[in-house]
Amino acid sequence: MPDRYAVIGHPIAHSQSPLIHGLFAQATGQDMTYGLIDGGADEGGFARALAEFRASGGRGLNVTLPFKLQALAAADDASEDARLAGAANALRFDGGRIEARNFDGIGLVRDITHNLGAALAGRRVLVLGAGGATRGALRPLALAGAAEILVANRTADKARTLADELAPHCGDCTLHGGGLDALAGAAPFDVVINATSASLSGDAPPVPASAFAPGALAYDMVYGKGLTPFLRAAQAAGVTRVADGVGMLVEQAAEAFAWWRGVRPDTREALARLTVPLA
């Protein structure tokens, strides 16, 4: 009988995870199935769905909004990335234990360095926003060799608090936070990442053109929306290297697949299937 995996969230019908993992399984010859689980909107929905999936023989879950915090809380063991992020996006069931990981930041780094060919080592990185997406990305970005990371947020204190909390876990990288208004006087950045949800509402965080270094990469974690307001603003500032988050989606899925199955799939076909032209 095939091993069973799924993604849980609410809502979940839009998820591309079954397509991605189906391609991975086919390419690597894995005997597995992958489905969708809607955890519902009620308070106990995630816990019930998790228990039912484990009882039916499920081997692992991807976890998306709004259950990443609950997934971490349900785990018996969690990676440092998951603990620092305060959230888990992948679970594995080992006997009677639940193991948790957070591969979002790792997927982001893999997309930037491998798929897009942009260096992080020794570079200055600007991350816009101080929410959960940023929290999960900072340590992987730092451990990839970024020399300096600035977290910029509309509420400066939130960015400073996040940077101060994670700085001890970020190796030699200089990590600090501040308000968006401070960007006007800052030195330019080699990589600028929009980790806010502004693009979903048709907005863009106010980033001055001076924030982008020559040859900079502008990266929006939102995917499938074409040229987002943030990426459009970056182009207007003279940036020629722009990317959305589809590669992050695919690469974090590949990390989870490798954790579950012991083989890392080639991601090129999934990327080709899901990439939307940035126009």
Protein backbone atom coordinates (compact mmCIF):
# COMPACT_ATOMS: atom_id res chain seq x y z
CA MET A 1 0.00 0.00 0.00
CA PRO A 2 1.41 3.45 -0.88
CA ASP A 3 2.64 5.66 1.95
CA ARG A 4 0.28 8.55 2.62
CA TYR A 5 1.18 12.22 2.87
CA ALA A 6 -0.90 15.41 2.68
CA VAL A 7 -0.98 19.15 3.18
CA ILE A 8 -3.27 20.64 5.83
CA GLY A 9 -4.59 24.18 5.90
CA HIS A 10 -7.76 26.29 5.71
CA PRO A 11 -8.69 27.05 3.02
CA ILE A 12 -6.69 24.47 1.10
CA ALA A 13 -8.31 23.76 -2.27
CA HIS A 14 -5.95 26.22 -4.00
CA SER A 15 -2.78 24.42 -2.84
CA GLN A 16 -0.24 23.38 -5.45
CA SER A 17 1.40 20.89 -3.07
CA PRO A 18 -0.31 17.77 -4.51
CA LEU A 19 0.96 18.68 -7.99
CA ILE A 20 4.47 19.36 -6.72
CA HIS A 21 4.79 16.20 -4.64
CA GLY A 22 3.16 14.13 -7.36
CA LEU A 23 5.87 15.26 -9.77
CA PHE A 24 8.54 14.54 -7.17
CA ALA A 25 7.19 11.04 -6.48
CA GLN A 26 7.00 10.20 -10.18
CA ALA A 27 10.52 11.45 -10.85
CA THR A 28 12.05 9.55 -7.93
CA GLY A 29 9.97 6.36 -8.16
CA GLN A 30 8.40 6.71 -4.72
CA ASP A 31 5.31 4.66 -3.85
CA MET A 32 3.21 7.31 -2.15
CA THR A 33 0.04 9.35 -2.34
CA TYR A 34 -0.43 13.01 -1.43
CA GLY A 35 -3.74 14.68 -0.64
CA LEU A 36 -5.44 17.77 0.75
CA ILE A 37 -6.83 18.11 4.27
CA ASP A 38 -8.99 21.07 5.27
CA GLY A 39 -8.50 21.58 9.00
CA GLY A 40 -11.58 23.79 9.18
CA ALA A 41 -12.16 27.05 10.96
CA ASP A 42 -13.18 25.72 14.38
CA GLU A 43 -10.72 25.71 17.25
CA GLY A 44 -10.15 21.96 17.45
CA GLY A 45 -10.15 21.24 13.72
CA PHE A 46 -6.38 20.91 13.31
CA ALA A 47 -5.94 18.58 16.29
CA ARG A 48 -8.77 16.31 15.11
CA ALA A 49 -7.51 16.18 11.54
CA LEU A 50 -3.96 15.46 12.72
CA ALA A 51 -5.10 12.63 14.98
CA GLU A 52 -7.28 11.11 12.26
CA PHE A 53 -4.51 11.25 9.66
CA ARG A 54 -1.98 9.62 11.99
CA ALA A 55 -4.49 6.94 13.05
CA SER A 56 -5.14 6.08 9.39
CA GLY A 57 -1.45 5.46 8.77
CA GLY A 58 -0.36 8.85 7.43
CA ARG A 59 3.41 9.31 7.33
CA GLY A 60 3.82 13.07 7.14
CA LEU A 61 2.15 16.44 6.59
CA ASN A 62 2.97 19.75 5.04
CA VAL A 63 1.34 22.53 7.07
CA THR A 64 0.16 25.86 5.74
CA LEU A 65 -1.89 28.74 7.12
CA PRO A 66 -3.36 29.02 9.67
CA PHE A 67 -1.94 25.93 11.39
CA LYS A 68 1.85 26.40 11.46
CA LEU A 69 1.91 27.48 15.10
CA GLN A 70 -0.35 24.60 16.15
CA ALA A 71 1.83 22.16 14.22
CA LEU A 72 4.88 23.22 16.22
CA ALA A 73 2.97 22.99 19.49
CA ALA A 74 1.86 19.43 18.63
CA ALA A 75 5.41 18.19 18.02
CA ASP A 76 7.48 16.07 20.37
CA ASP A 77 10.68 17.20 18.64
CA ALA A 78 11.41 20.30 16.55
CA SER A 79 14.41 21.62 14.63
CA GLU A 80 16.10 24.82 15.72
CA ASP A 81 14.77 26.60 12.64
CA ALA A 82 11.21 25.64 13.60
CA ARG A 83 11.69 26.66 17.23
CA LEU A 84 13.16 30.03 16.30
CA ALA A 85 10.47 30.62 13.69
CA GLY A 86 7.81 29.70 16.21
CA ALA A 87 6.13 27.64 13.51
CA ALA A 88 6.41 24.37 11.60
CA ASN A 89 5.54 23.73 7.96
CA ALA A 90 6.33 20.00 7.88
CA LEU A 91 5.60 17.11 10.23
CA ARG A 92 6.88 13.54 10.21
CA PHE A 93 5.42 10.71 12.26
CA ASP A 94 8.03 8.37 13.70
CA GLY A 95 6.39 5.67 15.76
CA GLY A 96 4.41 7.48 18.42
CA ARG A 97 6.34 10.73 18.05
CA ILE A 98 5.74 13.83 15.95
CA GLU A 99 8.80 15.58 14.48
CA ALA A 100 8.54 19.16 13.20
CA ARG A 101 10.63 21.18 10.77
CA ASN A 102 10.39 24.59 9.12
CA PHE A 103 11.77 24.55 5.58
CA ASP A 104 10.47 27.94 4.40
CA GLY A 105 13.70 29.84 4.97
CA ILE A 106 15.81 26.99 3.61
CA GLY A 107 13.64 26.94 0.48
CA LEU A 108 14.06 30.69 0.09
CA VAL A 109 17.84 30.45 0.30
CA ARG A 110 17.95 27.53 -2.12
CA ASP A 111 15.84 29.45 -4.65
CA ILE A 112 17.95 32.60 -4.40
CA THR A 113 21.34 30.90 -4.59
CA HIS A 114 20.67 27.85 -6.76
CA ASN A 115 17.79 28.72 -9.08
CA LEU A 116 18.41 32.45 -9.42
CA GLY A 117 22.19 32.32 -9.09
CA ALA A 118 22.34 35.29 -6.69
CA ALA A 119 25.07 35.26 -4.07
CA LEU A 120 24.23 35.75 -0.41
CA ALA A 121 27.72 35.28 1.01
CA GLY A 122 29.13 38.65 2.05
CA ARG A 123 26.06 40.53 0.82
CA ARG A 124 23.76 43.09 2.42
CA VAL A 125 20.16 41.88 2.62
CA LEU A 126 17.02 43.90 3.32
CA VAL A 127 13.92 42.02 4.51
CA LEU A 128 10.67 43.98 4.49
CA GLY A 129 8.20 43.06 7.21
CA ALA A 130 8.58 41.57 10.69
CA GLY A 131 5.94 38.84 10.68
CA GLY A 132 6.12 35.07 10.57
CA ALA A 133 7.56 34.88 7.06
CA THR A 134 10.49 37.07 8.07
CA ARG A 135 11.03 35.19 11.33
CA GLY A 136 11.39 31.93 9.41
CA ALA A 137 13.79 33.41 6.85
CA LEU A 138 16.34 35.29 8.94
CA ARG A 139 18.48 32.47 10.32
CA PRO A 140 18.77 30.58 7.00
CA LEU A 141 19.72 33.83 5.24
CA ALA A 142 22.34 34.55 7.88
CA LEU A 143 23.79 31.03 7.82
CA ALA A 144 24.00 31.25 4.02
CA GLY A 145 26.68 33.89 4.61
CA ALA A 146 24.88 37.24 4.46
CA ALA A 147 27.18 39.86 5.98
CA GLU A 148 24.34 42.09 7.15
CA ILE A 149 20.56 41.81 7.32
CA LEU A 150 18.24 44.71 8.04
CA VAL A 151 14.64 43.97 8.99
CA ALA A 152 12.52 46.99 8.07
CA ASN A 153 8.92 47.28 9.23
CA ARG A 154 6.24 49.93 9.50
CA THR A 155 6.40 49.43 13.27
CA ALA A 156 10.09 49.89 13.97
CA ASP A 157 10.00 48.43 17.48
CA LYS A 158 8.62 45.13 16.17
CA ALA A 159 11.53 44.86 13.72
CA ARG A 160 14.09 45.72 16.41
CA THR A 161 12.63 43.20 18.85
CA LEU A 162 12.70 40.43 16.23
CA ALA A 163 16.28 41.23 15.21
CA ASP A 164 17.48 41.36 18.82
CA GLU A 165 15.82 38.01 19.56
CA LEU A 166 17.31 36.16 16.59
CA ALA A 167 20.74 37.83 16.36
CA PRO A 168 22.39 35.38 18.82
CA HIS A 169 21.39 32.51 16.50
CA CYS A 170 22.66 34.05 13.27
CA GLY A 171 26.40 33.39 13.41
CA ASP A 172 28.65 36.20 12.22
CA CYS A 173 25.88 38.03 10.37
CA THR A 174 25.02 41.52 11.62
CA LEU A 175 21.25 41.49 12.15
CA HIS A 176 19.34 44.61 13.08
CA GLY A 177 15.90 46.11 12.70
CA GLY A 178 14.26 49.47 12.18
CA GLY A 179 11.48 51.40 10.53
CA LEU A 180 10.81 51.77 6.82
CA ASP A 181 11.50 55.48 7.15
CA ALA A 182 15.16 54.70 7.93
CA LEU A 183 15.73 53.25 4.45
CA ALA A 184 16.10 56.69 2.88
CA GLY A 185 19.49 57.16 4.51
CA ALA A 186 20.72 53.58 4.39
CA ALA A 187 23.43 52.16 2.14
CA PRO A 188 22.02 50.12 -0.76
CA PHE A 189 21.27 46.40 -0.48
CA ASP A 190 22.26 43.53 -2.78
CA VAL A 191 19.09 41.50 -2.09
CA VAL A 192 15.74 43.05 -1.15
CA ILE A 193 13.04 40.62 -0.03
CA ASN A 194 9.40 41.56 0.41
CA ALA A 195 8.07 39.34 3.20
CA THR A 196 4.97 41.47 3.82
CA SER A 197 1.50 40.61 2.57
CA ALA A 198 1.18 43.97 0.81
CA SER A 199 1.28 42.46 -2.67
CA LEU A 200 -1.86 40.42 -1.92
CA SER A 201 -3.81 43.65 -1.47
CA GLY A 202 -2.26 45.41 -4.44
CA ASP A 203 0.09 47.55 -2.40
CA ALA A 204 3.84 47.85 -2.11
CA PRO A 205 5.93 48.77 0.94
CA PRO A 206 7.52 52.21 0.50
CA VAL A 207 11.09 51.38 -0.50
CA PRO A 208 13.22 54.19 -1.96
CA ALA A 209 15.08 53.56 -5.20
CA SER A 210 18.31 54.16 -3.31
CA ALA A 211 17.77 50.93 -1.33
CA PHE A 212 18.65 48.82 -4.39
CA ALA A 213 22.35 48.35 -5.14
CA PRO A 214 23.48 48.07 -8.78
CA GLY A 215 22.68 44.53 -9.91
CA ALA A 216 20.40 43.94 -6.91
CA LEU A 217 17.84 41.13 -6.74
CA ALA A 218 14.28 42.12 -5.79
CA TYR A 219 12.37 39.09 -4.44
CA ASP A 220 8.68 38.94 -3.50
CA MET A 221 7.60 35.94 -1.41
CA VAL A 222 4.13 36.16 -2.98
CA TYR A 223 3.87 33.91 -6.04
CA GLY A 224 1.56 33.34 -8.97
CA LYS A 225 0.49 37.00 -9.18
CA GLY A 226 2.75 38.08 -12.03
CA LEU A 227 4.57 41.37 -11.56
CA THR A 228 3.51 42.43 -8.06
CA PRO A 229 3.40 46.07 -6.95
CA PHE A 230 6.70 45.57 -5.10
CA LEU A 231 8.44 44.08 -8.13
CA ARG A 232 6.97 46.78 -10.37
CA ALA A 233 8.33 49.45 -8.03
CA ALA A 234 11.73 47.73 -8.06
CA GLN A 235 11.79 47.77 -11.85
CA ALA A 236 10.86 51.46 -11.82
CA ALA A 237 13.92 51.96 -9.58
CA GLY A 238 16.12 50.37 -12.24
CA VAL A 239 16.25 46.80 -10.92
CA THR A 240 16.50 44.20 -13.69
CA ARG A 241 16.66 41.04 -11.54
CA VAL A 242 13.21 40.33 -10.08
CA ALA A 243 11.61 37.11 -8.83
CA ASP A 244 8.49 35.95 -7.07
CA GLY A 245 8.20 33.21 -4.45
CA VAL A 246 7.30 30.23 -6.62
CA GLY A 247 10.84 28.88 -6.31
CA MET A 248 10.64 29.17 -2.53
CA LEU A 249 7.40 27.16 -2.60
CA VAL A 250 8.91 24.40 -4.72
CA GLU A 251 12.25 24.25 -2.90
CA GLN A 252 10.72 24.04 0.57
CA ALA A 253 8.55 21.21 -0.74
CA ALA A 254 11.66 19.44 -2.02
CA GLU A 255 13.27 19.75 1.42
CA ALA A 256 10.22 18.17 3.06
CA PHE A 257 10.13 15.42 0.44
CA ALA A 258 13.80 14.62 1.06
CA TRP A 259 13.21 14.55 4.82
CA TRP A 260 10.33 12.12 4.40
CA ARG A 261 11.67 9.89 1.65
CA GLY A 262 15.46 10.13 1.89
CA VAL A 263 15.93 11.37 -1.68
CA ARG A 264 15.98 14.98 -2.88
CA PRO A 265 14.03 15.47 -6.12
CA ASP A 266 15.03 17.62 -9.06
CA THR A 267 12.82 20.70 -8.90
CA ARG A 268 13.08 21.94 -12.49
CA GLU A 269 9.87 20.37 -13.81
CA ALA A 270 7.76 21.65 -10.92
CA LEU A 271 9.23 25.12 -11.34
CA ALA A 272 8.46 25.07 -15.06
CA ARG A 273 4.88 23.98 -14.41
CA LEU A 274 4.17 26.63 -11.80
CA THR A 275 6.13 29.67 -12.93
CA VAL A 276 3.99 32.62 -14.01
CA PRO A 277 5.64 35.22 -16.29
CA LEU A 278 6.51 38.41 -14.42
CA ALA A 279 4.82 40.85 -16.72
